Amino acid sequence: MTAFVKSPSAFKLMREPEAAEYLQLSISYLRKLRMGKITSSPPITFFKIGRAVRYAREDLDQWLGNQGRYQTTAQVPTPKKYEK
């Protein structure tokens, strides 16, 4: 079996504070996302090395790219015009 290895430059791992700053989130919110406690968003991919948690920039970019929304409601009602 052949292991898939990315080049070192493409595989920079970030610690929790770095990843939270990169995503402009608090560390506690990032942890909740990782553990799946935020149900409105899919969990963030992470690496567990011993007790250390690390995030790949590529995974953070992919997660962030999937967070875009076009609208927050299914149908936006148009205001009615009242005639005199």
N, C-alpha and C. Protein backbone atom coordinates (compact mmCIF):
# COMPACT_ATOMS: atom_id res chain seq x y z
N MET A 1 0.84 -1.18 0.00
CA MET A 1 0.00 0.00 0.00
C MET A 1 0.88 1.24 0.00
N THR A 2 0.60 2.18 -0.87
CA THR A 2 1.38 3.40 -0.98
C THR A 2 0.70 4.51 -0.20
N ALA A 3 1.48 5.22 0.60
CA ALA A 3 0.93 6.33 1.38
C ALA A 3 0.94 7.59 0.53
N PHE A 4 -0.11 8.38 0.68
CA PHE A 4 -0.21 9.66 -0.04
C PHE A 4 0.46 10.72 0.81
N VAL A 5 1.48 11.37 0.26
CA VAL A 5 2.22 12.39 0.99
C VAL A 5 2.21 13.67 0.18
N LYS A 6 1.78 14.75 0.82
CA LYS A 6 1.82 16.05 0.16
C LYS A 6 3.20 16.66 0.35
N SER A 7 3.54 17.61 -0.51
CA SER A 7 4.82 18.28 -0.34
C SER A 7 4.79 19.11 0.95
N PRO A 8 5.92 19.25 1.63
CA PRO A 8 5.95 19.97 2.90
C PRO A 8 5.42 21.40 2.81
N SER A 9 5.65 22.07 1.70
CA SER A 9 5.19 23.46 1.57
C SER A 9 3.67 23.54 1.47
N ALA A 10 3.03 22.51 0.92
CA ALA A 10 1.58 22.50 0.77
C ALA A 10 0.88 21.93 2.01
N PHE A 11 1.66 21.44 2.97
CA PHE A 11 1.07 20.75 4.10
C PHE A 11 1.49 21.40 5.41
N LYS A 12 1.35 22.71 5.50
CA LYS A 12 1.68 23.42 6.74
C LYS A 12 0.54 23.22 7.72
N LEU A 13 0.86 22.67 8.88
CA LEU A 13 -0.15 22.46 9.90
C LEU A 13 -0.15 23.66 10.85
N MET A 14 -1.35 24.05 11.25
CA MET A 14 -1.51 25.18 12.17
C MET A 14 -1.99 24.68 13.52
N ARG A 15 -1.57 25.35 14.56
CA ARG A 15 -2.08 25.09 15.89
C ARG A 15 -3.44 25.76 16.02
N GLU A 16 -4.15 25.45 17.10
CA GLU A 16 -5.49 26.02 17.30
C GLU A 16 -5.51 27.55 17.27
N PRO A 17 -4.62 28.23 17.98
CA PRO A 17 -4.68 29.70 17.94
C PRO A 17 -4.45 30.27 16.54
N GLU A 18 -3.53 29.66 15.79
CA GLU A 18 -3.26 30.12 14.43
C GLU A 18 -4.46 29.90 13.52
N ALA A 19 -5.08 28.71 13.64
CA ALA A 19 -6.25 28.38 12.82
C ALA A 19 -7.43 29.29 13.15
N ALA A 20 -7.64 29.55 14.44
CA ALA A 20 -8.73 30.44 14.85
C ALA A 20 -8.51 31.85 14.33
N GLU A 21 -7.29 32.32 14.40
CA GLU A 21 -6.98 33.66 13.88
C GLU A 21 -7.16 33.71 12.36
N TYR A 22 -6.73 32.66 11.68
CA TYR A 22 -6.85 32.59 10.22
C TYR A 22 -8.32 32.66 9.79
N LEU A 23 -9.19 31.96 10.54
CA LEU A 23 -10.63 31.95 10.22
C LEU A 23 -11.39 33.10 10.88
N GLN A 24 -10.69 33.89 11.70
CA GLN A 24 -11.29 35.00 12.44
C GLN A 24 -12.42 34.49 13.35
N LEU A 25 -12.13 33.40 14.07
CA LEU A 25 -13.05 32.80 15.03
C LEU A 25 -12.36 32.71 16.38
N SER A 26 -13.13 32.56 17.43
CA SER A 26 -12.52 32.31 18.74
C SER A 26 -12.06 30.85 18.80
N ILE A 27 -11.12 30.58 19.68
CA ILE A 27 -10.63 29.21 19.82
C ILE A 27 -11.75 28.29 20.29
N SER A 28 -12.59 28.77 21.21
CA SER A 28 -13.66 27.91 21.72
C SER A 28 -14.68 27.58 20.62
N TYR A 29 -14.96 28.54 19.74
CA TYR A 29 -15.89 28.27 18.63
C TYR A 29 -15.27 27.28 17.65
N LEU A 30 -13.97 27.42 17.39
CA LEU A 30 -13.26 26.48 16.51
C LEU A 30 -13.32 25.07 17.09
N ARG A 31 -13.15 24.93 18.40
CA ARG A 31 -13.24 23.62 19.05
C ARG A 31 -14.64 23.03 18.90
N LYS A 32 -15.66 23.86 19.06
CA LYS A 32 -17.03 23.38 18.92
C LYS A 32 -17.30 22.92 17.49
N LEU A 33 -16.76 23.65 16.51
CA LEU A 33 -16.90 23.23 15.11
C LEU A 33 -16.22 21.89 14.88
N ARG A 34 -15.04 21.73 15.45
CA ARG A 34 -14.28 20.48 15.28
C ARG A 34 -15.03 19.30 15.86
N MET A 35 -15.66 19.50 17.00
CA MET A 35 -16.36 18.41 17.68
C MET A 35 -17.77 18.19 17.16
N GLY A 36 -18.22 19.01 16.22
CA GLY A 36 -19.55 18.84 15.64
C GLY A 36 -20.67 19.37 16.52
N LYS A 37 -20.35 20.25 17.46
CA LYS A 37 -21.38 20.81 18.35
C LYS A 37 -22.14 21.96 17.72
N ILE A 38 -21.66 22.47 16.61
CA ILE A 38 -22.36 23.52 15.86
C ILE A 38 -23.06 22.81 14.71
N THR A 39 -24.37 22.63 14.84
CA THR A 39 -25.10 21.81 13.86
C THR A 39 -25.37 22.52 12.55
N SER A 40 -25.23 23.84 12.52
CA SER A 40 -25.50 24.57 11.29
C SER A 40 -24.32 24.54 10.32
N SER A 41 -23.23 23.91 10.72
CA SER A 41 -22.03 23.88 9.89
C SER A 41 -21.38 22.50 10.00
N PRO A 42 -20.79 22.01 8.91
CA PRO A 42 -20.10 20.71 9.00
C PRO A 42 -18.83 20.83 9.85
N PRO A 43 -18.41 19.73 10.48
CA PRO A 43 -17.18 19.78 11.29
C PRO A 43 -15.97 20.11 10.43
N ILE A 44 -14.97 20.72 11.05
CA ILE A 44 -13.72 21.05 10.37
C ILE A 44 -12.79 19.85 10.47
N THR A 45 -12.14 19.53 9.37
CA THR A 45 -11.16 18.44 9.36
C THR A 45 -9.94 18.85 10.18
N PHE A 46 -9.43 17.93 10.98
CA PHE A 46 -8.27 18.23 11.81
C PHE A 46 -7.40 16.98 11.94
N PHE A 47 -6.20 17.16 12.45
CA PHE A 47 -5.26 16.08 12.71
C PHE A 47 -5.01 16.01 14.19
N LYS A 48 -4.96 14.81 14.71
CA LYS A 48 -4.66 14.60 16.12
C LYS A 48 -3.31 13.89 16.17
N ILE A 49 -2.31 14.56 16.71
CA ILE A 49 -0.97 14.01 16.83
C ILE A 49 -0.66 13.93 18.32
N GLY A 50 -0.83 12.75 18.88
CA GLY A 50 -0.75 12.63 20.33
C GLY A 50 -1.93 13.37 20.94
N ARG A 51 -1.64 14.33 21.79
CA ARG A 51 -2.70 15.17 22.35
C ARG A 51 -2.86 16.48 21.58
N ALA A 52 -1.98 16.72 20.64
CA ALA A 52 -1.98 17.98 19.89
C ALA A 52 -3.01 17.93 18.75
N VAL A 53 -3.72 19.03 18.58
CA VAL A 53 -4.69 19.17 17.48
C VAL A 53 -4.08 20.14 16.47
N ARG A 54 -4.09 19.75 15.22
CA ARG A 54 -3.53 20.59 14.15
C ARG A 54 -4.51 20.66 12.99
N TYR A 55 -4.44 21.77 12.26
CA TYR A 55 -5.31 22.01 11.11
C TYR A 55 -4.44 22.31 9.90
N ALA A 56 -4.80 21.76 8.75
CA ALA A 56 -4.11 22.08 7.49
C ALA A 56 -4.81 23.29 6.86
N ARG A 57 -4.03 24.21 6.38
CA ARG A 57 -4.58 25.43 5.76
C ARG A 57 -5.51 25.07 4.61
N GLU A 58 -5.16 24.07 3.84
CA GLU A 58 -5.99 23.63 2.71
C GLU A 58 -7.38 23.20 3.18
N ASP A 59 -7.43 22.48 4.30
CA ASP A 59 -8.72 22.04 4.85
C ASP A 59 -9.54 23.23 5.37
N LEU A 60 -8.85 24.20 5.98
CA LEU A 60 -9.55 25.39 6.47
C LEU A 60 -10.12 26.20 5.31
N ASP A 61 -9.34 26.32 4.25
CA ASP A 61 -9.82 27.04 3.06
C ASP A 61 -11.03 26.34 2.44
N GLN A 62 -10.98 25.02 2.38
CA GLN A 62 -12.10 24.26 1.82
C GLN A 62 -13.35 24.43 2.69
N TRP A 63 -13.19 24.34 4.01
CA TRP A 63 -14.33 24.52 4.91
C TRP A 63 -14.91 25.92 4.76
N LEU A 64 -14.04 26.91 4.71
CA LEU A 64 -14.49 28.29 4.58
C LEU A 64 -15.21 28.52 3.26
N GLY A 65 -14.72 27.92 2.19
CA GLY A 65 -15.37 28.05 0.89
C GLY A 65 -16.76 27.46 0.85
N ASN A 66 -17.02 26.48 1.70
CA ASN A 66 -18.34 25.85 1.76
C ASN A 66 -19.32 26.59 2.65
N GLN A 67 -18.90 27.69 3.26
CA GLN A 67 -19.75 28.41 4.19
C GLN A 67 -20.54 29.54 3.53
N GLY A 68 -20.32 29.80 2.25
CA GLY A 68 -21.00 30.89 1.55
C GLY A 68 -22.50 30.67 1.48
N ARG A 69 -23.24 31.73 1.59
CA ARG A 69 -24.70 31.67 1.50
C ARG A 69 -25.16 32.77 0.54
N TYR A 70 -26.16 32.45 -0.24
CA TYR A 70 -26.73 33.45 -1.13
C TYR A 70 -27.85 34.21 -0.44
N GLN A 71 -28.59 33.52 0.39
CA GLN A 71 -29.67 34.15 1.15
C GLN A 71 -29.90 33.33 2.41
N THR A 72 -30.52 33.96 3.39
CA THR A 72 -30.72 33.25 4.65
C THR A 72 -32.11 32.67 4.78
N THR A 73 -33.01 33.05 3.90
CA THR A 73 -34.36 32.50 3.92
C THR A 73 -34.67 31.88 2.58
N ALA A 74 -35.64 30.99 2.56
CA ALA A 74 -35.99 30.31 1.32
C ALA A 74 -36.64 31.27 0.32
N GLN A 75 -37.49 32.12 0.81
CA GLN A 75 -38.19 33.07 -0.06
C GLN A 75 -38.25 34.42 0.63
N VAL A 76 -37.79 35.44 -0.03
CA VAL A 76 -37.85 36.78 0.53
C VAL A 76 -39.11 37.44 0.00
N PRO A 77 -40.07 37.75 0.88
CA PRO A 77 -41.31 38.37 0.39
C PRO A 77 -41.06 39.81 -0.04
N THR A 78 -41.75 40.19 -1.09
CA THR A 78 -41.64 41.58 -1.54
C THR A 78 -42.70 42.41 -0.82
N PRO A 79 -42.38 43.62 -0.44
CA PRO A 79 -43.37 44.45 0.26
C PRO A 79 -44.55 44.78 -0.64
N LYS A 80 -45.71 44.80 -0.05
CA LYS A 80 -46.92 45.16 -0.82
C LYS A 80 -47.05 46.66 -0.89
N LYS A 81 -47.49 47.12 -2.05
CA LYS A 81 -47.74 48.55 -2.20
C LYS A 81 -49.23 48.81 -1.93
N TYR A 82 -49.47 49.75 -1.10
CA TYR A 82 -50.84 50.11 -0.77
C TYR A 82 -51.30 51.27 -1.63
N GLU A 83 -52.47 51.14 -2.20
CA GLU A 83 -53.03 52.21 -3.00
C GLU A 83 -54.06 52.95 -2.20
N LYS A 84 -54.19 54.26 -2.46
CA LYS A 84 -55.19 55.08 -1.75
C LYS A 84 -56.52 55.04 -2.43
